[in-house]
């Protein structure tokens, strides 16, 4: 890859972006920008999933490269997927889910997807709302200026409304966080709740939101969603 620090391979549903393993990340971003700007007419307007190969990337670097791609051409990156034998099928499912969403619920400007489990010590930061297709393990952190939805188990720390928006919310299929912060309001996991009760309470999908200066965590029902000013 000495002469081609960035190689783009495509299929019907997404892009495989092969990256030079030796370039500095800042130089790599510039190469990605140049590559996608020069290929913009070829790709046109499209919603695609992306898989990065060729070097190890942090979560922040993956998100930053996805933003770089979207800003360099008219491609809308709807998901970042992991590399495996079912890669094209994963890309297809990600794009089809995006196409099925009502236009006023979420688009690229309002949020994005991240697929994968966040492990202890990992940090996922987003300028927009983010849907995590996976778990957030203890010791992991998610920071978003918008909302966070975890389609998995939330056991780490999450900070939403990072620009001071207390109307933001956190939702998870399994809600058992170490800490939730919404705007400037913080709630910590209670040490007084028994493990058995915590497990039972976490079985139901829940939403966390701010009301009267306090964070409330409620099971997700139509009644609760209607009462919350989302």
Protein backbone atom coordinates (compact mmCIF):
# COMPACT_ATOMS: atom_id res chain seq x y z
CA UNK A 1 0.00 0.00 0.00
CA UNK A 2 3.01 2.27 -0.31
CA UNK A 3 1.53 4.09 -3.27
CA UNK A 4 -2.08 3.85 -2.14
CA UNK A 5 -2.50 4.72 1.53
CA UNK A 6 -6.29 4.43 1.15
CA UNK A 7 -8.04 1.80 -0.99
CA UNK A 8 -11.82 1.73 -1.41
CA UNK A 9 -13.68 -1.45 -2.26
CA UNK A 10 -17.43 -1.39 -2.62
CA UNK A 11 -20.38 -3.71 -2.84
CA UNK A 12 -24.07 -2.99 -3.26
CA UNK A 13 -24.58 -1.98 0.36
CA UNK A 14 -21.32 -0.58 1.64
CA UNK A 15 -17.68 0.31 1.45
CA UNK A 16 -14.59 -1.49 2.65
CA UNK A 17 -11.93 1.14 3.31
CA UNK A 18 -8.44 -0.34 3.53
CA UNK A 19 -6.07 1.95 5.41
CA UNK A 20 -2.29 2.22 5.53
CA UNK A 21 -1.05 0.94 8.88
CA UNK A 22 2.01 3.21 9.11
CA UNK A 23 0.71 6.71 8.38
CA UNK A 24 -0.07 9.02 11.26
CA UNK A 25 -3.79 9.36 11.88
CA UNK A 26 -3.81 13.02 10.82
CA UNK A 27 -2.09 12.18 7.54
CA UNK A 28 -4.48 9.29 7.08
CA UNK A 29 -7.49 11.59 7.50
CA UNK A 30 -6.11 13.84 4.78
CA UNK A 31 -5.65 10.84 2.47
CA UNK A 32 -9.23 9.71 3.18
CA UNK A 33 -10.50 13.21 2.41
CA UNK A 34 -8.59 13.37 -0.87
CA UNK A 35 -9.65 9.85 -1.89
CA UNK A 36 -13.35 10.41 -1.30
CA UNK A 37 -13.36 13.90 -2.79
CA UNK A 38 -11.85 12.52 -6.00
CA UNK A 39 -14.39 9.65 -6.01
CA UNK A 40 -17.43 11.77 -5.12
CA UNK A 41 -18.93 11.73 -8.62
CA UNK A 42 -18.54 7.97 -8.84
CA UNK A 43 -20.44 7.25 -5.62
CA UNK A 44 -23.02 10.05 -5.94
CA UNK A 45 -25.64 10.28 -3.19
CA UNK A 46 -25.87 6.99 -1.32
CA UNK A 47 -26.53 5.57 2.12
CA UNK A 48 -23.85 3.03 2.94
CA UNK A 49 -22.32 1.03 5.75
CA UNK A 50 -18.54 1.20 6.16
CA UNK A 51 -15.94 -1.31 7.31
CA UNK A 52 -12.39 -0.15 8.06
CA UNK A 53 -9.55 -2.61 7.48
CA UNK A 54 -5.76 -2.57 7.47
CA UNK A 55 -5.04 -1.05 10.87
CA UNK A 56 -6.35 -0.94 14.41
CA UNK A 57 -8.58 2.05 15.11
CA UNK A 58 -10.04 3.38 18.33
CA UNK A 59 -13.76 4.04 18.53
CA UNK A 60 -13.13 7.77 18.30
CA UNK A 61 -10.95 7.30 15.21
CA UNK A 62 -13.64 5.20 13.50
CA UNK A 63 -16.26 7.85 14.15
CA UNK A 64 -13.90 10.61 13.01
CA UNK A 65 -13.14 8.82 9.74
CA UNK A 66 -16.84 8.20 9.14
CA UNK A 67 -17.48 11.93 9.57
CA UNK A 68 -14.56 12.69 7.25
CA UNK A 69 -16.08 10.48 4.55
CA UNK A 70 -19.51 12.11 4.86
CA UNK A 71 -18.00 15.59 4.67
CA UNK A 72 -15.83 14.74 1.66
CA UNK A 73 -18.60 13.47 -0.61
CA UNK A 74 -22.37 12.84 -0.67
CA UNK A 75 -22.20 9.42 0.94
CA UNK A 76 -24.25 9.04 4.12
CA UNK A 77 -22.50 6.63 6.46
CA UNK A 78 -25.35 4.90 8.28
CA UNK A 79 -23.31 2.30 10.16
CA UNK A 80 -19.77 1.16 10.97
CA UNK A 81 -19.59 -2.64 10.90
CA UNK A 82 -16.98 -5.13 12.04
CA UNK A 83 -14.99 -7.26 9.62
CA UNK A 84 -16.11 -10.90 9.25
CA UNK A 85 -17.32 -13.42 6.70
CA UNK A 86 -20.88 -12.03 6.79
CA UNK A 87 -19.71 -8.48 6.15
CA UNK A 88 -21.89 -7.80 3.09
CA UNK A 89 -24.97 -9.22 4.84
CA UNK A 90 -24.36 -6.93 7.83
CA UNK A 91 -24.02 -3.96 5.50
CA UNK A 92 -27.25 -4.90 3.77
CA UNK A 93 -29.14 -5.14 7.06
CA UNK A 94 -27.75 -1.79 8.25
CA UNK A 95 -28.79 -0.01 5.05
CA UNK A 96 -32.22 -1.66 4.97
CA UNK A 97 -32.89 -0.65 8.58
CA UNK A 98 -31.99 2.91 7.70
CA UNK A 99 -34.28 2.93 4.66
CA UNK A 100 -37.20 1.61 6.71
CA UNK A 101 -37.00 4.39 9.31
CA UNK A 102 -39.53 7.23 9.09
CA UNK A 103 -37.73 10.34 7.83
CA UNK A 104 -38.66 12.47 10.85
CA UNK A 105 -37.26 10.03 13.41
CA UNK A 106 -33.58 9.98 12.59
CA UNK A 107 -31.30 10.84 9.72
CA UNK A 108 -27.55 11.20 9.33
CA UNK A 109 -27.59 14.76 10.61
CA UNK A 110 -29.44 13.80 13.81
CA UNK A 111 -27.75 10.55 14.74
CA UNK A 112 -25.73 7.57 13.69
CA UNK A 113 -25.26 3.91 14.45
CA UNK A 114 -22.35 2.17 16.12
CA UNK A 115 -22.16 -1.63 16.05
CA UNK A 116 -20.03 -3.40 18.60
CA UNK A 117 -19.50 -3.89 22.32
CA UNK A 118 -17.77 -1.09 24.26
CA UNK A 119 -15.34 -2.64 26.73
CA UNK A 120 -13.77 -1.23 29.88
CA UNK A 121 -11.58 1.77 29.13
CA UNK A 122 -13.14 2.47 25.73
CA UNK A 123 -14.83 5.81 25.06
CA UNK A 124 -17.37 6.55 22.32
CA UNK A 125 -17.96 10.26 21.68
CA UNK A 126 -20.51 11.68 19.24
CA UNK A 127 -21.57 15.16 18.19
CA UNK A 128 -25.02 13.70 17.45
CA UNK A 129 -27.38 11.14 18.95
CA UNK A 130 -26.08 7.60 18.70
CA UNK A 131 -27.67 4.15 18.59
CA UNK A 132 -25.35 1.44 19.89
CA UNK A 133 -26.01 -2.02 18.50
CA UNK A 134 -24.28 -3.88 21.33
CA UNK A 135 -23.41 -3.65 25.02
CA UNK A 136 -21.70 -0.95 27.06
CA UNK A 137 -19.63 -2.81 29.62
CA UNK A 138 -18.59 -1.53 33.06
CA UNK A 139 -15.72 0.93 32.71
CA UNK A 140 -16.76 2.01 29.20
CA UNK A 141 -18.06 5.52 28.53
CA UNK A 142 -20.46 7.01 25.99
CA UNK A 143 -20.57 10.79 25.54
CA UNK A 144 -23.10 12.40 23.21
CA UNK A 145 -24.43 15.89 22.64
CA UNK A 146 -27.71 14.23 21.71
CA UNK A 147 -29.45 11.09 22.95
CA UNK A 148 -28.07 7.58 23.47
CA UNK A 149 -30.01 4.40 22.74
CA UNK A 150 -28.35 1.10 23.65
CA UNK A 151 -29.81 -1.94 21.92
CA UNK A 152 -28.08 -4.15 24.43
CA UNK A 153 -26.94 -3.96 28.06
CA UNK A 154 -25.87 -0.60 29.51
CA UNK A 155 -23.54 -1.14 32.47
CA UNK A 156 -20.96 1.61 31.92
CA UNK A 157 -21.10 5.40 32.15
CA UNK A 158 -23.18 7.51 29.80
CA UNK A 159 -23.28 11.30 29.38
CA UNK A 160 -25.97 12.73 27.12
CA UNK A 161 -26.88 16.32 26.38
CA UNK A 162 -23.17 17.05 26.69
CA UNK A 163 -23.74 20.61 25.47
CA UNK A 164 -26.02 21.24 28.46
CA UNK A 165 -29.25 19.85 26.99
CA UNK A 166 -31.31 18.41 29.84
CA UNK A 167 -34.03 17.37 27.38
CA UNK A 168 -31.76 14.56 26.16
CA UNK A 169 -32.44 10.97 27.22
CA UNK A 170 -30.85 7.54 27.58
CA UNK A 171 -32.68 4.34 26.64
CA UNK A 172 -31.47 0.75 26.90
CA UNK A 173 -32.83 -2.76 26.58
CA UNK A 174 -31.05 -3.55 29.85
CA UNK A 175 -30.47 -0.50 32.05
CA UNK A 176 -27.90 -1.04 34.79
CA UNK A 177 -25.42 1.86 34.42
CA UNK A 178 -22.61 2.84 36.73
CA UNK A 179 -23.45 6.50 36.15
CA UNK A 180 -25.83 8.54 34.01
CA UNK A 181 -25.37 12.24 33.35
CA UNK A 182 -27.96 14.26 31.45
CA UNK A 183 -26.88 17.85 30.90
CA UNK A 184 -25.65 18.92 34.32
CA UNK A 185 -27.70 16.38 36.29
CA UNK A 186 -25.88 13.25 37.53
CA UNK A 187 -27.26 9.98 38.91
CA UNK A 188 -25.04 7.19 40.23
CA UNK A 189 -25.85 3.53 40.61
CA UNK A 190 -27.16 2.97 44.14
CA UNK A 191 -24.97 0.78 46.34
CA UNK A 192 -28.01 -0.02 48.49
CA UNK A 193 -29.88 -1.98 45.82
CA UNK A 194 -29.40 -5.72 46.07
CA UNK A 195 -27.93 -7.63 43.13
CA UNK A 196 -31.12 -9.67 42.80
CA UNK A 197 -33.33 -6.57 42.68
CA UNK A 198 -30.99 -4.82 40.27
CA UNK A 199 -31.10 -7.81 37.93
CA UNK A 200 -34.90 -7.92 38.06
CA UNK A 201 -35.16 -4.17 37.51
CA UNK A 202 -32.83 -4.35 34.54
CA UNK A 203 -34.92 -6.96 32.70
CA UNK A 204 -37.27 -4.37 31.21
CA UNK A 205 -36.21 -1.81 28.57
CA UNK A 206 -35.98 1.56 30.29
CA UNK A 207 -35.54 5.24 29.56
CA UNK A 208 -33.72 7.80 31.71
CA UNK A 209 -34.72 11.46 31.57
CA UNK A 210 -34.65 14.66 33.61
CA UNK A 211 -37.69 16.08 35.33
CA UNK A 212 -37.68 18.80 37.99
CA UNK A 213 -33.91 18.63 38.25
CA UNK A 214 -33.80 14.89 38.92
CA UNK A 215 -33.03 11.88 36.73
CA UNK A 216 -35.82 9.32 36.55
CA UNK A 217 -35.49 5.82 35.10
CA UNK A 218 -38.78 4.30 33.96
CA UNK A 219 -39.84 1.24 31.94
CA UNK A 220 -40.49 2.22 28.34
CA UNK A 221 -44.23 2.39 27.81
CA UNK A 222 -46.45 4.49 25.57
CA UNK A 223 -47.65 6.41 28.61
CA UNK A 224 -44.12 7.29 29.75
CA UNK A 225 -43.05 8.32 26.24
CA UNK A 226 -46.12 10.54 25.91
CA UNK A 227 -45.35 12.25 29.22
CA UNK A 228 -41.69 12.92 28.44
CA UNK A 229 -40.85 15.98 26.36
CA UNK A 230 -38.42 14.20 23.99
